[in-house]
């Protein structure tokens, strides 16, 4: 008899939409060459989208959401991974077209897995997850394009969210001067605790303005998009860079070419889903060393159980989640 376990399952059929904890068996898992006993997952914006009745991201039903997971290998036909080995996986097709991390067991291809990086526990890896990885990838791209401590202020938008909060902490830990923008006036102390020394309101960074304005930022990390990204582009200094990795403010961008042709501003697109294996490995290595946020599990994240997932996915779409939410399996 196949082992049974708990999973958070979303389903859609002629009978309607459902989402909740169910009992599955190992036989229910999709094909793959590595089976993992999941210990932690985390909630990301895409997980919120996956749990909508009219989801724009889920390819088939039933589905186990959760684009992140961390756990221990229990069975493997992939020579790169052995039973007992601790591993992490983020992005790819997890939780979208392949059962993801909101379950006690997962089966997937070894190509989607990374050995747990030195310097991180499984819980810490999920306190980072896709959001922390995306923040780290954004910082690495900015540095590859010339950014270094002492160059001036770096603005992080949407700073209380998963990407934003980890980016603020990482940048401050590297010695950058960090400014943060948020619409949550009650979270200013939280952001200062992460290392922000200047806080801007959401209205200021999403207002309309001239095609180019006073040069204010050495660089920007932007998970918001929309009018906020347009603001960043027109206020970034000569040859500065903006790393865009999200669209919580909308997918449309209304700007001009002037920041690019007058100031040589770089707009860097950040994709964590299909990131090349060598880049992915390098970023995970840094997440366990110089980019690891201080007091990671305590300062940025909190834990929930599977039955609490619906409340958090709704809140993350509403923009009311602070930091990172770890799902304890």
Protein backbone atom coordinates (compact mmCIF):
# COMPACT_ATOMS: atom_id res chain seq x y z
CA UNK A 1 0.00 0.00 0.00
CA UNK A 2 1.39 3.38 -1.02
CA UNK A 3 2.28 5.76 1.81
CA UNK A 4 -0.32 8.48 2.47
CA UNK A 5 0.44 12.08 3.39
CA UNK A 6 -1.14 15.54 3.63
CA UNK A 7 -1.13 18.05 0.79
CA UNK A 8 -2.84 21.33 -0.01
CA UNK A 9 -4.70 20.67 -3.26
CA UNK A 10 -6.55 23.01 -5.60
CA UNK A 11 -9.01 21.57 -8.09
CA UNK A 12 -11.38 22.85 -10.70
CA UNK A 13 -14.07 20.88 -12.47
CA UNK A 14 -17.68 21.13 -13.58
CA UNK A 15 -18.59 20.92 -9.90
CA UNK A 16 -16.65 24.14 -9.20
CA UNK A 17 -13.39 25.22 -7.56
CA UNK A 18 -11.98 23.78 -4.34
CA UNK A 19 -8.86 24.38 -2.27
CA UNK A 20 -7.87 22.64 0.94
CA UNK A 21 -5.83 19.99 2.72
CA UNK A 22 -6.32 16.47 1.38
CA UNK A 23 -4.74 13.08 1.90
CA UNK A 24 -2.71 11.85 -1.08
CA UNK A 25 -0.50 8.82 -1.62
CA UNK A 26 2.90 8.51 -3.23
CA UNK A 27 1.13 6.97 -6.24
CA UNK A 28 -0.62 10.32 -6.78
CA UNK A 29 2.66 12.15 -7.32
CA UNK A 30 3.74 12.98 -10.89
CA UNK A 31 6.65 11.31 -12.60
CA UNK A 32 10.19 12.29 -11.63
CA UNK A 33 13.53 10.78 -10.74
CA UNK A 34 13.85 12.16 -7.19
CA UNK A 35 11.34 11.85 -4.35
CA UNK A 36 11.73 14.38 -1.53
CA UNK A 37 10.28 14.42 1.98
CA UNK A 38 9.37 18.09 2.12
CA UNK A 39 10.02 19.83 5.43
CA UNK A 40 9.38 23.44 4.45
CA UNK A 41 7.88 25.46 1.63
CA UNK A 42 7.03 29.16 1.40
CA UNK A 43 4.30 31.41 0.05
CA UNK A 44 5.08 33.61 -2.96
CA UNK A 45 3.00 35.95 -5.10
CA UNK A 46 2.70 33.30 -7.81
CA UNK A 47 1.24 30.89 -5.22
CA UNK A 48 -1.44 33.48 -4.55
CA UNK A 49 -2.22 33.61 -8.27
CA UNK A 50 -2.31 29.81 -8.40
CA UNK A 51 -5.00 29.68 -5.71
CA UNK A 52 -7.40 31.98 -7.54
CA UNK A 53 -10.50 30.24 -8.98
CA UNK A 54 -9.64 31.81 -12.35
CA UNK A 55 -5.90 31.36 -12.04
CA UNK A 56 -3.76 32.92 -14.78
CA UNK A 57 -0.83 30.59 -14.04
CA UNK A 58 -2.05 27.04 -13.31
CA UNK A 59 -1.86 24.80 -16.36
CA UNK A 60 -3.88 21.79 -15.19
CA UNK A 61 -5.94 20.45 -12.29
CA UNK A 62 -5.78 19.01 -9.70
CA UNK A 63 -2.63 20.85 -8.59
CA UNK A 64 -0.51 21.10 -5.47
CA UNK A 65 0.70 24.72 -5.33
CA UNK A 66 4.01 25.82 -3.85
CA UNK A 67 6.78 27.02 -6.14
CA UNK A 68 9.40 26.43 -3.41
CA UNK A 69 10.37 23.41 -1.37
CA UNK A 70 13.16 22.21 0.88
CA UNK A 71 13.57 18.73 2.29
CA UNK A 72 15.40 15.42 2.30
CA UNK A 73 15.78 12.96 -0.57
CA UNK A 74 14.08 9.63 0.17
CA UNK A 75 14.48 7.97 -3.24
CA UNK A 76 16.52 8.85 -6.32
CA UNK A 77 17.43 7.38 -9.69
CA UNK A 78 19.48 10.53 -10.43
CA UNK A 79 23.14 9.87 -9.55
CA UNK A 80 23.57 13.50 -8.43
CA UNK A 81 21.28 12.95 -5.43
CA UNK A 82 21.25 10.27 -2.74
CA UNK A 83 18.77 9.33 0.01
CA UNK A 84 19.31 11.43 3.11
CA UNK A 85 20.67 14.41 1.16
CA UNK A 86 19.15 17.82 1.94
CA UNK A 87 17.96 19.71 -1.15
CA UNK A 88 16.06 22.81 -2.27
CA UNK A 89 14.01 23.61 -5.37
CA UNK A 90 12.44 26.87 -6.51
CA UNK A 91 10.52 27.98 -9.57
CA UNK A 92 10.62 25.92 -12.76
CA UNK A 93 7.17 24.30 -13.19
CA UNK A 94 6.57 23.60 -9.50
CA UNK A 95 3.06 24.43 -8.35
CA UNK A 96 2.05 25.50 -11.85
CA UNK A 97 2.10 22.44 -14.10
CA UNK A 98 3.84 20.02 -11.71
CA UNK A 99 2.89 19.25 -8.10
CA UNK A 100 4.75 21.69 -5.84
CA UNK A 101 5.87 22.18 -2.29
CA UNK A 102 2.59 22.43 -0.33
CA UNK A 103 2.74 18.70 0.44
CA UNK A 104 4.71 16.40 2.71
CA UNK A 105 6.21 14.64 -0.32
CA UNK A 106 7.21 15.78 -3.80
CA UNK A 107 8.58 13.96 -6.83
CA UNK A 108 10.45 15.93 -9.47
CA UNK A 109 13.33 15.90 -11.92
CA UNK A 110 16.80 16.26 -10.50
CA UNK A 111 17.42 19.14 -12.92
CA UNK A 112 15.17 21.29 -10.72
CA UNK A 113 17.03 20.51 -7.50
CA UNK A 114 20.01 22.09 -5.75
CA UNK A 115 21.95 20.60 -2.85
CA UNK A 116 21.22 22.65 0.26
CA UNK A 117 23.89 25.38 0.19
CA UNK A 118 26.48 25.44 2.94
CA UNK A 119 25.57 28.07 5.51
CA UNK A 120 21.79 27.54 5.28
CA UNK A 121 19.37 25.28 7.09
CA UNK A 122 16.30 23.96 5.27
CA UNK A 123 14.15 26.46 7.16
CA UNK A 124 16.46 29.34 6.26
CA UNK A 125 16.45 28.28 2.61
CA UNK A 126 12.67 28.64 2.58
CA UNK A 127 12.78 31.91 4.53
CA UNK A 128 14.58 33.01 1.37
CA UNK A 129 12.86 30.89 -1.27
CA UNK A 130 12.03 32.34 -4.67
CA UNK A 131 11.67 35.84 -3.21
CA UNK A 132 15.09 35.84 -1.54
CA UNK A 133 16.70 34.19 -4.55
CA UNK A 134 15.18 36.85 -6.80
CA UNK A 135 16.45 39.63 -4.52
CA UNK A 136 19.93 38.10 -4.55
CA UNK A 137 19.89 37.67 -8.32
CA UNK A 138 18.84 41.31 -8.68
CA UNK A 139 21.75 42.47 -6.52
CA UNK A 140 24.21 40.27 -8.38
CA UNK A 141 23.05 41.68 -11.74
CA UNK A 142 23.37 45.25 -10.41
CA UNK A 143 26.91 44.53 -9.26
CA UNK A 144 27.79 42.93 -12.58
CA UNK A 145 26.71 46.24 -14.15
CA UNK A 146 29.07 48.25 -11.97
CA UNK A 147 27.25 48.93 -8.69
CA UNK A 148 29.40 48.92 -5.54
CA UNK A 149 29.05 50.21 -1.97
CA UNK A 150 29.76 53.91 -1.76
CA UNK A 151 28.19 54.70 -5.13
CA UNK A 152 25.09 56.25 -3.57
CA UNK A 153 21.64 55.27 -2.44
CA UNK A 154 19.88 52.15 -3.73
CA UNK A 155 16.08 52.30 -3.71
CA UNK A 156 14.12 49.13 -3.00
CA UNK A 157 10.43 49.41 -3.90
CA UNK A 158 7.64 47.31 -2.41
CA UNK A 159 10.02 46.97 0.49
CA UNK A 160 7.84 45.14 3.00
CA UNK A 161 7.15 42.26 0.61
CA UNK A 162 9.20 39.09 0.22
CA UNK A 163 11.60 40.35 -2.45
CA UNK A 164 11.73 43.85 -1.02
CA UNK A 165 12.41 42.93 2.60
CA UNK A 166 15.17 40.46 1.74
CA UNK A 167 16.73 42.93 -0.72
CA UNK A 168 16.81 45.68 1.93
CA UNK A 169 18.52 43.36 4.41
CA UNK A 170 21.01 41.98 1.89
CA UNK A 171 22.01 45.39 0.54
CA UNK A 172 22.45 46.84 4.02
CA UNK A 173 24.56 43.84 4.99
CA UNK A 174 26.84 44.50 2.03
CA UNK A 175 27.37 48.10 3.10
CA UNK A 176 25.03 49.90 0.69
CA UNK A 177 22.98 52.95 1.63
CA UNK A 178 19.43 51.66 1.34
CA UNK A 179 16.24 53.63 0.80
CA UNK A 180 12.93 51.77 0.91
CA UNK A 181 9.48 52.62 -0.39
CA UNK A 182 6.23 51.28 1.03
CA UNK A 183 2.58 52.21 1.33
CA UNK A 184 2.46 50.81 4.87
CA UNK A 185 3.24 53.63 7.29
CA UNK A 186 2.97 51.22 10.22
CA UNK A 187 5.95 49.19 8.96
CA UNK A 188 8.62 51.90 8.96
CA UNK A 189 10.25 50.48 12.10
CA UNK A 190 10.33 47.03 10.47
CA UNK A 191 12.20 48.43 7.47
CA UNK A 192 14.63 50.39 9.60
CA UNK A 193 15.33 47.20 11.53
CA UNK A 194 16.28 45.53 8.24
CA UNK A 195 18.75 48.31 7.44
CA UNK A 196 16.84 51.01 5.54
CA UNK A 197 17.97 54.52 6.47
CA UNK A 198 15.40 56.40 4.39
CA UNK A 199 11.75 55.53 3.76
CA UNK A 200 9.57 56.92 0.97
CA UNK A 201 5.81 56.68 0.63
CA UNK A 202 4.19 54.75 -2.19
CA UNK A 203 2.60 57.91 -3.56
CA UNK A 204 5.98 59.57 -4.05
CA UNK A 205 7.44 56.72 -6.09
CA UNK A 206 4.35 56.16 -8.25
CA UNK A 207 3.57 59.78 -9.10
CA UNK A 208 3.71 61.07 -12.66
CA UNK A 209 6.67 63.29 -13.57
CA UNK A 210 8.86 64.73 -16.28
CA UNK A 211 10.57 62.30 -18.70
CA UNK A 212 13.77 62.73 -16.68
CA UNK A 213 14.09 64.18 -13.19
CA UNK A 214 16.93 64.92 -10.76
CA UNK A 215 19.40 62.05 -10.49
CA UNK A 216 18.66 60.47 -7.12
CA UNK A 217 19.49 56.76 -7.12
CA UNK A 218 22.64 54.80 -7.84
CA UNK A 219 20.44 51.78 -8.55
CA UNK A 220 17.07 50.23 -7.80
CA UNK A 221 15.55 46.85 -6.98
CA UNK A 222 11.95 46.90 -8.20
CA UNK A 223 9.41 44.08 -7.69
CA UNK A 224 6.53 46.50 -8.37
CA UNK A 225 6.68 47.61 -12.02
CA UNK A 226 4.12 49.99 -13.51
CA UNK A 227 4.34 53.66 -12.51
CA UNK A 228 6.93 52.86 -9.82
CA UNK A 229 9.33 51.43 -12.38
CA UNK A 230 8.78 54.50 -14.58
CA UNK A 231 9.68 56.71 -11.58
CA UNK A 232 12.85 54.75 -10.93
CA UNK A 233 13.99 54.98 -14.52
CA UNK A 234 13.62 58.75 -14.70
CA UNK A 235 15.34 59.37 -11.33
CA UNK A 236 18.28 56.96 -11.59
CA UNK A 237 21.69 58.54 -12.04
CA UNK A 238 23.89 58.48 -15.16
CA UNK A 239 24.81 54.87 -16.08
CA UNK A 240 22.92 53.51 -13.10
CA UNK A 241 20.83 50.34 -13.26
CA UNK A 242 17.34 49.24 -12.23
CA UNK A 243 16.62 45.54 -11.69
CA UNK A 244 12.95 44.80 -12.31
CA UNK A 245 11.63 41.47 -11.04
CA UNK A 246 7.89 41.89 -10.52
CA UNK A 247 4.57 43.45 -11.45
CA UNK A 248 2.53 43.93 -8.28
CA UNK A 249 1.93 47.50 -9.51
CA UNK A 250 0.85 46.32 -12.94
CA UNK A 251 2.49 44.94 -16.10
CA UNK A 252 2.24 48.11 -18.22
CA UNK A 253 5.16 50.56 -18.36
CA UNK A 254 4.60 54.17 -19.48
CA UNK A 255 7.94 55.89 -19.97
CA UNK A 256 10.18 57.42 -22.63
CA UNK A 257 13.53 56.49 -24.13
CA UNK A 258 15.15 59.56 -22.54
CA UNK A 259 16.56 57.87 -19.42
CA UNK A 260 18.25 55.35 -21.71
CA UNK A 261 19.66 57.67 -24.39
CA UNK A 262 20.46 60.69 -22.19
CA UNK A 263 21.74 58.94 -19.08
CA UNK A 264 22.58 55.44 -20.27
CA UNK A 265 20.35 53.91 -17.61
CA UNK A 266 20.21 50.11 -17.67
CA UNK A 267 16.91 48.27 -17.21
CA UNK A 268 17.77 44.74 -16.09
CA UNK A 269 15.12 42.04 -16.39
CA UNK A 270 15.31 39.47 -13.58
CA UNK A 271 13.97 35.96 -14.19
CA UNK A 272 14.33 33.42 -11.40
CA UNK A 273 12.18 30.69 -12.97
CA UNK A 274 14.38 29.57 -15.85
CA UNK A 275 17.66 30.99 -14.54
CA UNK A 276 20.65 29.04 -15.99
CA UNK A 277 22.10 26.33 -13.75
CA UNK A 278 25.52 27.96 -13.32
CA UNK A 279 24.00 31.30 -12.33
CA UNK A 280 21.53 29.58 -10.00
CA UNK A 281 24.31 27.70 -8.23
CA UNK A 282 26.39 30.87 -7.84
CA UNK A 283 23.47 32.80 -6.34
CA UNK A 284 22.64 30.02 -3.87
CA UNK A 285 26.29 29.97 -2.81
CA UNK A 286 26.10 33.69 -2.02
CA UNK A 287 22.82 33.21 -0.17
CA UNK A 288 24.68 31.03 2.29
CA UNK A 289 27.55 33.50 2.65
CA UNK A 290 27.75 37.24 1.97
CA UNK A 291 24.10 37.69 0.92
CA UNK A 292 22.58 35.80 3.85
CA UNK A 293 20.37 38.25 5.76
CA UNK A 294 21.08 38.72 9.43
CA UNK A 295 18.67 36.90 11.80
CA UNK A 296 16.97 35.55 8.69
CA UNK A 297 14.40 33.23 10.23
CA UNK A 298 13.53 35.65 13.03
CA UNK A 299 13.55 39.09 11.42
CA UNK A 300 11.93 38.47 8.04
CA UNK A 301 9.82 35.31 8.24
CA UNK A 302 7.11 33.53 10.22
CA UNK A 303 5.69 30.00 10.03
CA UNK A 304 2.26 28.65 9.20
CA UNK A 305 0.72 25.21 8.72
CA UNK A 306 -0.92 23.85 5.57
CA UNK A 307 -4.40 24.77 6.78
CA UNK A 308 -3.38 28.44 6.99
CA UNK A 309 -2.29 28.69 3.35
CA UNK A 310 -5.56 30.18 1.97
CA UNK A 311 -5.45 33.15 4.36
CA UNK A 312 -1.86 33.98 3.37
CA UNK A 313 -2.34 33.56 -0.39
CA UNK A 314 -5.26 35.98 -0.23
CA UNK A 315 -3.26 38.44 1.84
CA UNK A 316 -0.23 38.33 -0.44
CA UNK A 317 -2.38 39.25 -3.45
CA UNK A 318 -3.87 42.11 -1.44
CA UNK A 319 -0.39 43.39 -0.60
CA UNK A 320 -0.88 42.99 3.14
CA UNK A 321 1.82 40.40 3.87
CA UNK A 322 5.02 41.54 5.57
CA UNK A 323 8.26 39.69 4.88
CA UNK A 324 8.27 35.98 4.16
CA UNK A 325 5.84 33.21 5.13
CA UNK A 326 7.25 29.72 5.65
CA UNK A 327 4.96 26.70 5.33
CA UNK A 328 5.88 24.01 7.82
CA UNK A 329 5.22 20.50 6.52
